[in-house]
Structure formats: C-alpha cells, structure tokens
Amino acid sequence: MTDTLTDAVPATPTAEDLDRLTAATDFLDHGHETVRAFVDKALQGVDRATATPVELAVALYYAVRDGIHYEVYGADLSPQGLKASSIISGGKGFCLHKSVLYAAACRSVGIPARLHYSDVRNHLASDRLRSYIGGDVFFHGLATVYLDGQWLKVTPVFNKLLCRLYGMTPLEFDGRSDSLYHPFDAQGRQSMEFLTDHGDFDDVPYEFVMGNMRRKHPKFLDAEGTGTVSGGSLADEAS
C-alpha cells in the first residue's frame, strides 16, 4: 500500500538503474570528505579489493547502527541536517537520519541503495515520546540495498545501548535477508509492526517526509518546523 508515487525500479535493475543508484545526490553526498572518512574508518581491516558487496554492506551496517547515536530529541530535519555528511558531523539522529547515512555509505562502495518509508506501530517508546508523537504509530525510514540479485530492506537504526535499555535484542544484518524490525522484545512482547508502506525513493523526498512529519507528528516538531523538540534523552527515559 502506498499513498505517493515512487521511482520505479524493476526487480532486476538495468545497468542504467545501477549507475543511478550508486551516484551521489544532494542528500546522499558520499563524495563529501566527511562521508569518505566515515566509510574508510568503518572498513578498516577490510580488504576492499577482495571483499564482496555483502561483506561491505554488513560492515557499513554495524558502523551506522552503533557508530551514530540514536536520539529522537533535538534532531535536525532541515535539508542540510538530513545530508549524510551533516549526520556524521552531528553524531546522532533517528531512523530518518541513519537510513540516509547507510544508503550513502553503501553507494560510496558501489552498492545500489535507496530510501524506504513506512508507518509502523512501535510499542517500545517512552511515555514522553508517545505524547509528542500522538500515540504509538510512527513515520519510519529505512534503506533498501541491492545485493546478490535481490533488494533487501535494511534498518541500521537502534544501537546496542538503546536496545539494552529498552529490553530489545539488537537487530542484526547478514547481507542475505531483510533486517527489518523487531517483532518482539527480549521478553517475547510484540515491539513493532508495519502498517503502511510508502515505497522506495532514489533520494530523500524532502517535502514528502516533512509533510508526513507535520501531518502525523505536529507536536514532535520544534517551533521552526525544521527539527524535533529538544530537551530530554530517549535513553534517559527508558524505564
């Protein structure tokens, strides 16, 4: 189900598709020196000449998942703030940010990547966050990558510390199957379910993203409407 038009890509992309989906964009600015340095650090110890795309994608997944702190408060949602280079410089963000960075990092090593958006019901949020969101249904961002002839949905979002605080098992990625969501927490309670699929995009569809944020989570945005409310920490609000 989708409520917007997405950029169509066949299940088996053409050579033109693959070239386009490894190129740098305004948001996936992997030519920026900050992004190049992040990727180089993430792949230290990896022989990039012999490593497979799967091995590179997995290494980059963990670099983004655990190297960028997951934080929902005080997040920059301006066009500049959603660039991969700015996300690295800030060192934190939530799903919208970390998925951008992962897609850019994958493209930088020749792995075709796109951005994907959904609405999800997340049962593992703090009471304060739910009050800002307006319930437990969140507009959610992830990435899709093309590996070994298939498109995989990848969610390099919740770092180990946050998962431990909220009683979740960290989401893993093996490069061969989707790394999509936590259906249950460590105690077997349902933690997340997907409700609406908005599809894939070659770059951040900025007006679509911000339109969803303004319409679905107006209390979550700051007075300028270009970021989330500040003050507090999702980690500190874990009970």
Protein backbone atom coordinates (compact mmCIF):
# COMPACT_ATOMS: atom_id res chain seq x y z
CA MET A 1 0.00 0.00 0.00
CA THR A 2 1.32 3.45 -0.85
CA ASP A 3 -0.03 6.98 -0.76
CA THR A 4 2.55 8.54 -3.06
CA LEU A 5 4.30 7.90 -6.34
CA THR A 6 7.76 6.33 -6.06
CA ASP A 7 10.60 5.99 -8.53
CA ALA A 8 10.03 2.69 -10.33
CA VAL A 9 12.95 0.25 -10.49
CA PRO A 10 12.48 -3.26 -11.88
CA ALA A 11 13.20 -6.27 -9.68
CA THR A 12 16.29 -6.80 -11.83
CA PRO A 13 17.71 -3.30 -12.30
CA THR A 14 19.21 -2.24 -15.62
CA ALA A 15 22.80 -1.04 -15.90
CA GLU A 16 21.41 2.50 -16.05
CA ASP A 17 19.47 1.91 -12.83
CA LEU A 18 22.57 0.59 -11.08
CA ASP A 19 24.64 3.59 -12.17
CA ARG A 20 21.95 5.98 -10.93
CA LEU A 21 21.56 4.19 -7.61
CA THR A 22 25.25 4.37 -6.79
CA ALA A 23 25.58 8.06 -7.66
CA ALA A 24 25.90 10.82 -5.09
CA THR A 25 22.84 13.07 -4.58
CA ASP A 26 22.07 16.22 -2.64
CA PHE A 27 21.32 14.17 0.48
CA LEU A 28 23.38 11.03 -0.20
CA ASP A 29 26.54 13.13 -0.60
CA HIS A 30 29.06 10.33 -0.46
CA GLY A 31 31.67 12.35 -2.32
CA HIS A 32 31.97 14.60 0.73
CA GLU A 33 35.22 14.14 2.65
CA THR A 34 33.32 13.52 5.90
CA VAL A 35 31.42 10.60 4.37
CA ARG A 36 34.58 9.20 2.77
CA ALA A 37 36.35 9.32 6.13
CA PHE A 38 33.42 7.58 7.86
CA VAL A 39 33.44 4.79 5.28
CA ASP A 40 37.22 4.40 5.46
CA LYS A 41 37.03 4.03 9.25
CA ALA A 42 34.13 1.58 9.02
CA LEU A 43 36.07 -0.60 6.61
CA GLN A 44 39.39 -0.59 8.44
CA GLY A 45 40.78 -4.10 8.30
CA VAL A 46 38.62 -5.00 5.30
CA ASP A 47 40.40 -5.67 2.03
CA ARG A 48 38.16 -3.62 -0.23
CA ALA A 49 39.79 -5.09 -3.33
CA THR A 50 38.64 -8.62 -2.48
CA ALA A 51 35.65 -8.05 -0.17
CA THR A 52 32.25 -8.94 -1.57
CA PRO A 53 29.41 -6.40 -1.67
CA VAL A 54 27.70 -8.42 1.07
CA GLU A 55 30.74 -8.12 3.33
CA LEU A 56 30.97 -4.38 2.71
CA ALA A 57 27.25 -3.84 3.31
CA VAL A 58 27.38 -5.73 6.60
CA ALA A 59 30.42 -3.80 7.86
CA LEU A 60 28.78 -0.49 6.99
CA TYR A 61 25.54 -1.57 8.67
CA TYR A 62 27.23 -2.01 12.05
CA ALA A 63 29.21 1.21 11.64
CA VAL A 64 25.98 3.16 11.21
CA ARG A 65 23.94 1.19 13.76
CA ASP A 66 26.44 1.56 16.58
CA GLY A 67 28.58 4.49 15.44
CA ILE A 68 25.77 7.06 15.23
CA HIS A 69 23.85 7.55 18.47
CA TYR A 70 20.10 7.03 18.18
CA GLU A 71 18.35 10.10 19.54
CA VAL A 72 14.92 11.48 18.70
CA TYR A 73 15.18 14.81 20.53
CA GLY A 74 16.84 17.90 19.10
CA ALA A 75 17.24 16.26 15.69
CA ASP A 76 17.93 18.48 12.68
CA LEU A 77 15.33 17.90 9.95
CA SER A 78 16.38 20.77 7.72
CA PRO A 79 17.63 19.91 4.23
CA GLN A 80 21.17 20.46 5.47
CA GLY A 81 20.57 18.35 8.57
CA LEU A 82 19.42 15.36 6.51
CA LYS A 83 22.57 15.23 4.39
CA ALA A 84 24.77 12.21 5.12
CA SER A 85 27.80 14.44 5.79
CA SER A 86 25.88 16.51 8.36
CA ILE A 87 24.57 13.40 10.10
CA ILE A 88 28.13 12.17 10.62
CA SER A 89 29.23 15.56 11.91
CA GLY A 90 26.33 15.65 14.37
CA GLY A 91 26.96 12.09 15.52
CA LYS A 92 23.32 11.35 16.26
CA GLY A 93 19.87 11.08 14.75
CA PHE A 94 16.94 8.74 14.44
CA CYS A 95 15.65 6.48 11.66
CA LEU A 96 15.34 9.23 9.05
CA HIS A 97 18.97 10.21 9.54
CA LYS A 98 20.62 6.84 9.99
CA SER A 99 18.96 5.38 6.91
CA VAL A 100 20.24 8.29 4.80
CA LEU A 101 23.75 7.71 6.05
CA TYR A 102 23.60 3.98 5.40
CA ALA A 103 22.33 4.45 1.86
CA ALA A 104 25.07 6.99 1.14
CA ALA A 105 27.76 4.74 2.62
CA CYS A 106 26.61 1.77 0.54
CA ARG A 107 26.56 3.84 -2.64
CA SER A 108 30.08 5.03 -1.90
CA VAL A 109 31.38 1.46 -2.33
CA GLY A 110 29.26 0.70 -5.38
CA ILE A 111 26.27 -0.94 -3.72
CA PRO A 112 22.95 0.32 -5.16
CA ALA A 113 20.85 1.79 -2.36
CA ARG A 114 17.56 3.63 -1.95
CA LEU A 115 15.47 5.09 0.86
CA HIS A 116 12.24 3.48 2.02
CA TYR A 117 9.45 4.88 4.20
CA SER A 118 6.67 3.23 6.19
CA ASP A 119 4.27 3.83 9.05
CA VAL A 120 4.95 1.48 11.97
CA ARG A 121 3.40 0.81 15.33
CA ASN A 122 6.20 0.90 17.87
CA HIS A 123 5.29 -0.43 21.31
CA LEU A 124 8.70 0.36 22.78
CA ALA A 125 8.72 4.13 23.18
CA SER A 126 8.78 6.24 26.29
CA ASP A 127 5.61 7.86 27.59
CA ARG A 128 7.08 11.28 26.86
CA LEU A 129 7.86 10.36 23.27
CA ARG A 130 4.36 8.96 22.75
CA SER A 131 2.91 12.24 23.96
CA TYR A 132 4.85 14.11 21.28
CA ILE A 133 4.19 11.54 18.55
CA GLY A 134 0.48 11.39 19.36
CA GLY A 135 0.36 7.66 20.07
CA ASP A 136 2.45 4.69 19.04
CA VAL A 137 2.29 4.95 15.22
CA PHE A 138 5.48 6.45 13.80
CA PHE A 139 6.55 7.63 10.35
CA HIS A 140 9.62 5.46 9.81
CA GLY A 141 12.63 5.48 7.50
CA LEU A 142 14.92 2.63 6.44
CA ALA A 143 17.07 1.75 3.44
CA THR A 144 16.95 -0.82 0.66
CA VAL A 145 20.13 -2.24 -0.90
CA TYR A 146 20.70 -4.45 -3.93
CA LEU A 147 22.86 -7.46 -3.02
CA ASP A 148 23.33 -10.73 -4.88
CA GLY A 149 20.43 -10.08 -7.22
CA GLN A 150 17.83 -9.07 -4.65
CA TRP A 151 16.60 -5.93 -2.93
CA LEU A 152 16.85 -6.14 0.86
CA LYS A 153 15.21 -3.86 3.43
CA VAL A 154 17.78 -2.74 6.00
CA THR A 155 17.26 -0.91 9.30
CA PRO A 156 20.61 0.23 10.80
CA VAL A 157 18.83 2.26 13.45
CA PHE A 158 18.73 1.10 17.07
CA ASN A 159 22.20 0.94 18.60
CA LYS A 160 23.19 -1.65 21.21
CA LEU A 161 22.89 0.66 24.22
CA LEU A 162 19.35 1.75 23.41
CA CYS A 163 18.28 -1.82 22.73
CA ARG A 164 19.62 -2.94 26.09
CA LEU A 165 17.85 -0.12 27.93
CA TYR A 166 14.52 -0.93 26.26
CA GLY A 167 14.84 -4.70 26.62
CA MET A 168 15.31 -5.32 22.90
CA THR A 169 17.72 -7.63 21.13
CA PRO A 170 19.83 -5.56 18.70
CA LEU A 171 18.74 -6.02 15.10
CA GLU A 172 21.38 -7.84 13.05
CA PHE A 173 22.11 -7.95 9.30
CA ASP A 174 23.79 -10.76 7.37
CA GLY A 175 23.57 -9.22 3.92
CA ARG A 176 21.36 -12.03 2.64
CA SER A 177 17.95 -11.37 4.19
CA ASP A 178 15.96 -8.35 5.36
CA SER A 179 16.96 -6.60 8.56
CA LEU A 180 13.58 -5.06 9.00
CA TYR A 181 12.22 -4.68 12.52
CA HIS A 182 11.96 -6.12 16.00
CA PRO A 183 8.68 -8.08 16.03
CA PHE A 184 9.24 -8.99 19.70
CA ASP A 185 11.35 -7.68 22.53
CA ALA A 186 13.70 -9.80 24.65
CA GLN A 187 10.75 -10.85 26.86
CA GLY A 188 8.66 -12.00 23.89
CA ARG A 189 6.36 -8.97 23.84
CA GLN A 190 5.39 -7.52 20.46
CA SER A 191 7.52 -4.45 19.82
CA MET A 192 6.92 -3.26 16.25
CA GLU A 193 4.59 -3.88 13.34
CA PHE A 194 4.45 -2.35 9.87
CA LEU A 195 1.17 -0.69 8.89
CA THR A 196 1.64 1.31 5.68
CA ASP A 197 4.36 1.01 3.06
CA HIS A 198 5.20 4.24 1.21
CA GLY A 199 7.80 2.65 -1.07
CA ASP A 200 11.32 3.42 -2.29
CA PHE A 201 12.95 6.68 -3.36
CA ASP A 202 16.24 7.42 -5.11
CA ASP A 203 16.93 10.36 -2.80
CA VAL A 204 15.28 11.90 0.25
CA PRO A 205 11.80 13.05 -0.88
CA TYR A 206 12.10 16.02 1.43
CA GLU A 207 8.64 17.56 1.06
CA PHE A 208 7.02 14.12 1.34
CA VAL A 209 8.98 13.33 4.50
CA MET A 210 8.31 16.66 6.15
CA GLY A 211 4.67 16.63 5.04
CA ASN A 212 4.23 13.34 6.86
CA MET A 213 6.02 14.63 9.93
CA ARG A 214 3.90 17.80 10.05
CA ARG A 215 0.65 15.95 9.46
CA LYS A 216 1.23 12.93 11.70
CA HIS A 217 3.50 14.29 14.44
CA PRO A 218 2.99 18.07 14.69
CA LYS A 219 3.78 18.21 18.41
CA PHE A 220 7.09 16.46 17.77
CA LEU A 221 8.44 19.33 15.66
CA ASP A 222 10.13 22.42 17.04
CA ALA A 223 8.76 25.95 16.64
CA GLU A 224 10.59 26.45 13.32
CA GLY A 225 9.33 23.15 11.96
CA THR A 226 12.80 22.09 10.84
CA GLY A 227 13.72 19.81 13.73
CA THR A 228 12.33 17.83 16.62
CA VAL A 229 11.66 19.15 20.08
CA SER A 230 14.73 19.46 22.24
CA GLY A 231 15.33 18.55 25.85
CA GLY A 232 15.46 15.05 27.21
CA SER A 233 17.04 11.84 26.07
CA LEU A 234 15.35 8.67 24.87
CA ALA A 235 17.97 6.64 26.74
CA ASP A 236 17.27 8.51 29.99
CA GLU A 237 13.52 7.90 29.55
CA ALA A 238 13.87 4.11 29.44
CA SER A 239 12.05 2.52 32.36
